[in-house]
Amino acid sequence: MTPIAQGLRERKKQKTRESIQREAMRLIEKQGYDQTTIEQIAAAVEISPSTFFNYFPSKEDVVLYDAYDPVLAKLMLERPADEPLSISFRRVLEEMGSIFDRDRAIILARGRLWFEVPALRARLFEELEKAQVLISGLIGQRSGRDPDDFETRIIVTVMVAAALEAMREWLRRDSKGSFVPLVNQALDIVEAGARLDEIASPKPRG
């Protein structure tokens, strides 16, 4: 198969994945997570249940699937290699802002389910690990550093955790505005240092 044919095939598969997720989220929003079946999702996309399993191993994976990772990876690798990681990450988020705005409803629905559905909440750590591996690999490609070295893993773990807490805060605020500024704010806090002593100290009275 030629590279062009491979590219077309992958884009078609990507579109099908996104269609499955979009229809799944529509049904879940309408009738609830537990009440929505794989058979219903497959019927909505006009595929068979067996074809569904070619794209997702379970209903949980449909909700957890993040179509933005390939976009983030591409944009990160296009940033200058000598640019500080935090700046690159912020610039990429800004570039992806229009995509997030376009998909706001589905991002909001998925975010709520992550924290509300026990089966999805149980899988969240696994998904965070995948994000950490992705970003560590991007750092390795940009800098030549070993993506598995201790310092890289610590930095990436903190960044991913900060982004997750920004999402949680966005949901807590009823998803008003964009969550990108909250991610930037979370990164500001990380860059300023955890200030553990200050946080742990009793608040002044009065």
C-alpha atoms as a PDB file:
ATOM      1  CA  MET A   1       0.000   0.000   0.000  1.00  0.00           C
ATOM      2  CA  THR A   2       1.369   3.426  -0.943  1.00  0.00           C
ATOM      3  CA  PRO A   3       1.900   6.137   1.741  1.00  0.00           C
ATOM      4  CA  ILE A   4      -0.955   8.155   0.199  1.00  0.00           C
ATOM      5  CA  ALA A   5      -3.325   5.192   0.366  1.00  0.00           C
ATOM      6  CA  GLN A   6      -2.243   4.502   3.958  1.00  0.00           C
ATOM      7  CA  GLY A   7      -2.872   8.133   4.839  1.00  0.00           C
ATOM      8  CA  LEU A   8      -6.348   8.080   3.315  1.00  0.00           C
ATOM      9  CA  ARG A   9      -7.161   4.835   5.109  1.00  0.00           C
ATOM     10  CA  GLU A  10      -6.039   6.237   8.467  1.00  0.00           C
ATOM     11  CA  ARG A  11      -8.061   9.427   7.970  1.00  0.00           C
ATOM     12  CA  LYS A  12     -11.138   7.349   7.155  1.00  0.00           C
ATOM     13  CA  LYS A  13     -10.631   5.265  10.300  1.00  0.00           C
ATOM     14  CA  GLN A  14     -10.176   8.443  12.337  1.00  0.00           C
ATOM     15  CA  LYS A  15     -13.442   9.876  10.994  1.00  0.00           C
ATOM     16  CA  THR A  16     -15.253   6.660  11.845  1.00  0.00           C
ATOM     17  CA  ARG A  17     -13.856   6.713  15.403  1.00  0.00           C
ATOM     18  CA  GLU A  18     -15.013  10.287  15.834  1.00  0.00           C
ATOM     19  CA  SER A  19     -18.462   9.447  14.432  1.00  0.00           C
ATOM     20  CA  ILE A  20     -18.805   6.545  16.855  1.00  0.00           C
ATOM     21  CA  GLN A  21     -17.815   8.749  19.779  1.00  0.00           C
ATOM     22  CA  ARG A  22     -20.112  11.584  18.686  1.00  0.00           C
ATOM     23  CA  GLU A  23     -23.134   9.285  18.370  1.00  0.00           C
ATOM     24  CA  ALA A  24     -22.277   7.524  21.625  1.00  0.00           C
ATOM     25  CA  MET A  25     -22.155  10.823  23.504  1.00  0.00           C
ATOM     26  CA  ARG A  26     -25.439  11.923  21.928  1.00  0.00           C
ATOM     27  CA  LEU A  27     -27.148   8.751  23.129  1.00  0.00           C
ATOM     28  CA  ILE A  28     -25.537   8.905  26.573  1.00  0.00           C
ATOM     29  CA  GLU A  29     -26.619  12.522  27.019  1.00  0.00           C
ATOM     30  CA  LYS A  30     -30.164  11.533  26.025  1.00  0.00           C
ATOM     31  CA  GLN A  31     -30.653   8.325  27.998  1.00  0.00           C
ATOM     32  CA  GLY A  32     -27.723   7.902  30.403  1.00  0.00           C
ATOM     33  CA  TYR A  33     -24.431   6.012  30.380  1.00  0.00           C
ATOM     34  CA  ASP A  34     -25.641   2.710  31.829  1.00  0.00           C
ATOM     35  CA  GLN A  35     -28.745   2.674  29.636  1.00  0.00           C
ATOM     36  CA  THR A  36     -26.768   3.132  26.415  1.00  0.00           C
ATOM     37  CA  THR A  37     -25.610  -0.101  24.767  1.00  0.00           C
ATOM     38  CA  ILE A  38     -22.955  -0.853  22.212  1.00  0.00           C
ATOM     39  CA  GLU A  39     -25.692  -2.183  19.930  1.00  0.00           C
ATOM     40  CA  GLN A  40     -27.486   1.172  20.073  1.00  0.00           C
ATOM     41  CA  ILE A  41     -24.275   3.078  19.349  1.00  0.00           C
ATOM     42  CA  ALA A  42     -23.444   0.815  16.402  1.00  0.00           C
ATOM     43  CA  ALA A  43     -26.949   1.217  14.974  1.00  0.00           C
ATOM     44  CA  ALA A  44     -26.710   5.011  15.243  1.00  0.00           C
ATOM     45  CA  VAL A  45     -23.471   4.985  13.216  1.00  0.00           C
ATOM     46  CA  GLU A  46     -24.879   2.375  10.825  1.00  0.00           C
ATOM     47  CA  ILE A  47     -22.228  -0.219  11.556  1.00  0.00           C
ATOM     48  CA  SER A  48     -22.437  -3.677  13.096  1.00  0.00           C
ATOM     49  CA  PRO A  49     -21.482  -4.334  16.743  1.00  0.00           C
ATOM     50  CA  SER A  50     -18.558  -6.424  15.487  1.00  0.00           C
ATOM     51  CA  THR A  51     -17.320  -3.435  13.461  1.00  0.00           C
ATOM     52  CA  PHE A  52     -17.652  -1.282  16.598  1.00  0.00           C
ATOM     53  CA  PHE A  53     -15.117  -3.560  18.295  1.00  0.00           C
ATOM     54  CA  ASN A  54     -12.663  -2.937  15.463  1.00  0.00           C
ATOM     55  CA  TYR A  55     -12.466   0.653  16.721  1.00  0.00           C
ATOM     56  CA  PHE A  56     -13.110   0.435  20.462  1.00  0.00           C
ATOM     57  CA  PRO A  57     -12.677  -2.489  22.854  1.00  0.00           C
ATOM     58  CA  SER A  58     -15.497  -1.300  25.134  1.00  0.00           C
ATOM     59  CA  LYS A  59     -18.096   1.394  25.751  1.00  0.00           C
ATOM     60  CA  GLU A  60     -15.765   2.950  28.331  1.00  0.00           C
ATOM     61  CA  ASP A  61     -13.106   3.439  25.676  1.00  0.00           C
ATOM     62  CA  VAL A  62     -15.539   5.398  23.489  1.00  0.00           C
ATOM     63  CA  VAL A  63     -15.903   8.038  26.212  1.00  0.00           C
ATOM     64  CA  LEU A  64     -12.224   7.998  27.184  1.00  0.00           C
ATOM     65  CA  TYR A  65     -10.901   8.205  23.621  1.00  0.00           C
ATOM     66  CA  ASP A  66      -9.167  11.527  22.991  1.00  0.00           C
ATOM     67  CA  ALA A  67      -9.075  12.548  19.339  1.00  0.00           C
ATOM     68  CA  TYR A  68      -6.905  15.564  20.192  1.00  0.00           C
ATOM     69  CA  ASP A  69      -3.718  13.675  21.080  1.00  0.00           C
ATOM     70  CA  PRO A  70      -2.484  13.364  17.464  1.00  0.00           C
ATOM     71  CA  VAL A  71      -3.166  17.082  16.920  1.00  0.00           C
ATOM     72  CA  LEU A  72      -1.315  18.006  20.114  1.00  0.00           C
ATOM     73  CA  ALA A  73       1.628  15.785  19.133  1.00  0.00           C
ATOM     74  CA  LYS A  74       1.893  17.327  15.660  1.00  0.00           C
ATOM     75  CA  LEU A  75       1.743  20.900  16.970  1.00  0.00           C
ATOM     76  CA  MET A  76       4.234  20.206  19.763  1.00  0.00           C
ATOM     77  CA  LEU A  77       6.775  18.788  17.314  1.00  0.00           C
ATOM     78  CA  GLU A  78       6.378  21.879  15.119  1.00  0.00           C
ATOM     79  CA  ARG A  79       7.398  24.196  17.968  1.00  0.00           C
ATOM     80  CA  PRO A  80      11.054  25.378  18.119  1.00  0.00           C
ATOM     81  CA  ALA A  81      13.212  22.693  19.739  1.00  0.00           C
ATOM     82  CA  ASP A  82      14.862  25.213  22.090  1.00  0.00           C
ATOM     83  CA  GLU A  83      11.557  26.684  23.297  1.00  0.00           C
ATOM     84  CA  PRO A  84      10.792  26.010  26.987  1.00  0.00           C
ATOM     85  CA  LEU A  85       8.300  23.184  27.399  1.00  0.00           C
ATOM     86  CA  SER A  86       5.743  25.220  29.333  1.00  0.00           C
ATOM     87  CA  ILE A  87       5.686  27.895  26.617  1.00  0.00           C
ATOM     88  CA  SER A  88       5.321  25.293  23.865  1.00  0.00           C
ATOM     89  CA  PHE A  89       2.474  23.629  25.733  1.00  0.00           C
ATOM     90  CA  ARG A  90       0.679  26.960  26.198  1.00  0.00           C
ATOM     91  CA  ARG A  91       1.105  27.939  22.546  1.00  0.00           C
ATOM     92  CA  VAL A  92      -0.226  24.573  21.404  1.00  0.00           C
ATOM     93  CA  LEU A  93      -3.258  24.928  23.684  1.00  0.00           C
ATOM     94  CA  GLU A  94      -3.920  28.363  22.190  1.00  0.00           C
ATOM     95  CA  GLU A  95      -3.722  26.909  18.675  1.00  0.00           C
ATOM     96  CA  MET A  96      -6.133  24.143  19.663  1.00  0.00           C
ATOM     97  CA  GLY A  97      -8.537  26.612  21.268  1.00  0.00           C
ATOM     98  CA  SER A  98     -10.765  26.824  18.190  1.00  0.00           C
ATOM     99  CA  ILE A  99     -11.053  23.020  18.097  1.00  0.00           C
ATOM    100  CA  PHE A 100     -11.986  22.952  21.783  1.00  0.00           C
ATOM    101  CA  ASP A 101     -14.594  25.652  21.194  1.00  0.00           C
ATOM    102  CA  ARG A 102     -16.046  23.695  18.286  1.00  0.00           C
ATOM    103  CA  ASP A 103     -16.261  20.497  20.348  1.00  0.00           C
ATOM    104  CA  ARG A 104     -17.204  22.199  23.604  1.00  0.00           C
ATOM    105  CA  ALA A 105     -20.388  20.168  24.150  1.00  0.00           C
ATOM    106  CA  ILE A 106     -18.730  16.781  23.708  1.00  0.00           C
ATOM    107  CA  ILE A 107     -15.706  17.776  25.832  1.00  0.00           C
ATOM    108  CA  LEU A 108     -18.036  18.914  28.591  1.00  0.00           C
ATOM    109  CA  ALA A 109     -20.107  15.720  28.431  1.00  0.00           C
ATOM    110  CA  ARG A 110     -17.013  13.501  28.466  1.00  0.00           C
ATOM    111  CA  GLY A 111     -15.460  15.439  31.329  1.00  0.00           C
ATOM    112  CA  ARG A 112     -18.538  15.030  33.488  1.00  0.00           C
ATOM    113  CA  LEU A 113     -18.677  11.309  32.800  1.00  0.00           C
ATOM    114  CA  TRP A 114     -15.001  10.854  33.708  1.00  0.00           C
ATOM    115  CA  PHE A 115     -15.689  11.969  37.254  1.00  0.00           C
ATOM    116  CA  GLU A 116     -19.255  10.730  37.688  1.00  0.00           C
ATOM    117  CA  VAL A 117     -19.249   7.169  36.304  1.00  0.00           C
ATOM    118  CA  PRO A 118     -17.377   4.727  38.605  1.00  0.00           C
ATOM    119  CA  ALA A 119     -16.185   2.527  35.722  1.00  0.00           C
ATOM    120  CA  LEU A 120     -14.691   5.549  33.945  1.00  0.00           C
ATOM    121  CA  ARG A 121     -13.227   7.031  37.114  1.00  0.00           C
ATOM    122  CA  ALA A 122     -11.461   3.708  37.708  1.00  0.00           C
ATOM    123  CA  ARG A 123      -9.866   3.961  34.251  1.00  0.00           C
ATOM    124  CA  LEU A 124      -8.740   7.573  34.636  1.00  0.00           C
ATOM    125  CA  PHE A 125      -5.316   6.730  36.089  1.00  0.00           C
ATOM    126  CA  GLU A 126      -4.621   4.488  33.111  1.00  0.00           C
ATOM    127  CA  GLU A 127      -5.556   7.309  30.721  1.00  0.00           C
ATOM    128  CA  LEU A 128      -3.339   9.770  32.594  1.00  0.00           C
ATOM    129  CA  GLU A 129      -0.450   7.344  32.217  1.00  0.00           C
ATOM    130  CA  LYS A 130      -1.040   7.250  28.457  1.00  0.00           C
ATOM    131  CA  ALA A 131      -0.955  11.064  28.352  1.00  0.00           C
ATOM    132  CA  GLN A 132       2.287  11.074  30.335  1.00  0.00           C
ATOM    133  CA  VAL A 133       3.901   8.579  27.944  1.00  0.00           C
ATOM    134  CA  LEU A 134       2.773  10.669  24.954  1.00  0.00           C
ATOM    135  CA  ILE A 135       4.141  13.950  26.311  1.00  0.00           C
ATOM    136  CA  SER A 136       7.367  12.340  27.582  1.00  0.00           C
ATOM    137  CA  GLY A 137       7.912  10.896  24.110  1.00  0.00           C
ATOM    138  CA  LEU A 138       7.366  14.313  22.539  1.00  0.00           C
ATOM    139  CA  ILE A 139       9.920  15.826  24.909  1.00  0.00           C
ATOM    140  CA  GLY A 140      12.366  13.107  23.909  1.00  0.00           C
ATOM    141  CA  GLN A 141      11.867  13.809  20.214  1.00  0.00           C
ATOM    142  CA  ARG A 142      12.239  17.574  20.698  1.00  0.00           C
ATOM    143  CA  SER A 143      15.214  17.551  23.040  1.00  0.00           C
ATOM    144  CA  GLY A 144      16.985  14.239  22.592  1.00  0.00           C
ATOM    145  CA  ARG A 145      16.494  13.525  26.291  1.00  0.00           C
ATOM    146  CA  ASP A 146      15.561  10.077  27.495  1.00  0.00           C
ATOM    147  CA  PRO A 147      11.748  10.291  27.851  1.00  0.00           C
ATOM    148  CA  ASP A 148      11.938   7.792  30.706  1.00  0.00           C
ATOM    149  CA  ASP A 149      14.425   9.671  32.877  1.00  0.00           C
ATOM    150  CA  PHE A 150      13.292  10.621  36.374  1.00  0.00           C
ATOM    151  CA  GLU A 151      13.225  14.392  35.919  1.00  0.00           C
ATOM    152  CA  THR A 152      11.208  14.186  32.702  1.00  0.00           C
ATOM    153  CA  ARG A 153       8.680  11.839  34.300  1.00  0.00           C
ATOM    154  CA  ILE A 154       8.229  14.124  37.306  1.00  0.00           C
ATOM    155  CA  ILE A 155       7.754  17.238  35.162  1.00  0.00           C
ATOM    156  CA  VAL A 156       5.268  15.534  32.836  1.00  0.00           C
ATOM    157  CA  THR A 157       3.330  13.970  35.718  1.00  0.00           C
ATOM    158  CA  VAL A 158       2.897  17.396  37.313  1.00  0.00           C
ATOM    159  CA  MET A 159       1.808  18.968  34.008  1.00  0.00           C
ATOM    160  CA  VAL A 160      -0.780  16.263  33.301  1.00  0.00           C
ATOM    161  CA  ALA A 161      -2.126  16.435  36.855  1.00  0.00           C
ATOM    162  CA  ALA A 162      -2.384  20.230  36.591  1.00  0.00           C
ATOM    163  CA  ALA A 163      -4.335  19.936  33.321  1.00  0.00           C
ATOM    164  CA  LEU A 164      -6.698  17.403  34.902  1.00  0.00           C
ATOM    165  CA  GLU A 165      -7.364  19.672  37.869  1.00  0.00           C
ATOM    166  CA  ALA A 166      -8.006  22.547  35.463  1.00  0.00           C
ATOM    167  CA  MET A 167     -10.645  20.403  33.760  1.00  0.00           C
ATOM    168  CA  ARG A 168     -12.182  19.516  37.132  1.00  0.00           C
ATOM    169  CA  GLU A 169     -12.303  23.204  38.092  1.00  0.00           C
ATOM    170  CA  TRP A 170     -13.881  24.087  34.729  1.00  0.00           C
ATOM    171  CA  LEU A 171     -16.634  21.571  35.393  1.00  0.00           C
ATOM    172  CA  ARG A 172     -17.063  22.860  38.946  1.00  0.00           C
ATOM    173  CA  ARG A 173     -17.600  26.349  37.537  1.00  0.00           C
ATOM    174  CA  ASP A 174     -20.365  25.011  35.252  1.00  0.00           C
ATOM    175  CA  SER A 175     -18.011  25.098  32.253  1.00  0.00           C
ATOM    176  CA  LYS A 176     -18.227  28.873  31.896  1.00  0.00           C
ATOM    177  CA  GLY A 177     -15.806  30.213  29.312  1.00  0.00           C
ATOM    178  CA  SER A 178     -12.916  28.197  27.918  1.00  0.00           C
ATOM    179  CA  PHE A 179     -10.943  25.766  30.053  1.00  0.00           C
ATOM    180  CA  VAL A 180      -7.658  26.776  28.335  1.00  0.00           C
ATOM    181  CA  PRO A 181      -7.126  29.802  30.647  1.00  0.00           C
ATOM    182  CA  LEU A 182      -7.603  27.477  33.617  1.00  0.00           C
ATOM    183  CA  VAL A 183      -4.907  25.158  32.253  1.00  0.00           C
ATOM    184  CA  ASN A 184      -2.619  28.183  31.905  1.00  0.00           C
ATOM    185  CA  GLN A 185      -3.434  29.209  35.463  1.00  0.00           C
ATOM    186  CA  ALA A 186      -2.647  25.684  36.666  1.00  0.00           C
ATOM    187  CA  LEU A 187       0.704  25.824  34.868  1.00  0.00           C
ATOM    188  CA  ASP A 188       1.387  29.222  36.460  1.00  0.00           C
ATOM    189  CA  ILE A 189       0.886  27.649  39.879  1.00  0.00           C
ATOM    190  CA  VAL A 190       3.202  24.777  38.980  1.00  0.00           C
ATOM    191  CA  GLU A 191       5.899  27.131  37.669  1.00  0.00           C
ATOM    192  CA  ALA A 192       5.643  29.312  40.777  1.00  0.00           C
ATOM    193  CA  GLY A 193       6.310  26.248  42.923  1.00  0.00           C
ATOM    194  CA  ALA A 194       3.903  24.218  44.982  1.00  0.00           C
ATOM    195  CA  ARG A 195       4.349  26.535  48.017  1.00  0.00           C
ATOM    196  CA  LEU A 196       3.658  23.550  50.288  1.00  0.00           C
ATOM    197  CA  ASP A 197       4.666  25.361  53.475  1.00  0.00           C
ATOM    198  CA  GLU A 198       2.353  28.279  52.673  1.00  0.00           C
ATOM    199  CA  ILE A 199      -0.560  26.008  51.765  1.00  0.00           C
ATOM    200  CA  ALA A 200      -0.108  23.837  54.844  1.00  0.00           C
ATOM    201  CA  SER A 201       0.139  26.767  57.247  1.00  0.00           C
ATOM    202  CA  PRO A 202      -3.006  27.840  59.145  1.00  0.00           C
ATOM    203  CA  LYS A 203      -4.794  30.851  57.691  1.00  0.00           C
ATOM    204  CA  PRO A 204      -4.467  34.039  59.740  1.00  0.00           C
ATOM    205  CA  ARG A 205      -7.516  34.770  61.876  1.00  0.00           C
ATOM    206  CA  GLY A 206      -9.521  37.956  61.642  1.00  0.00           C
END
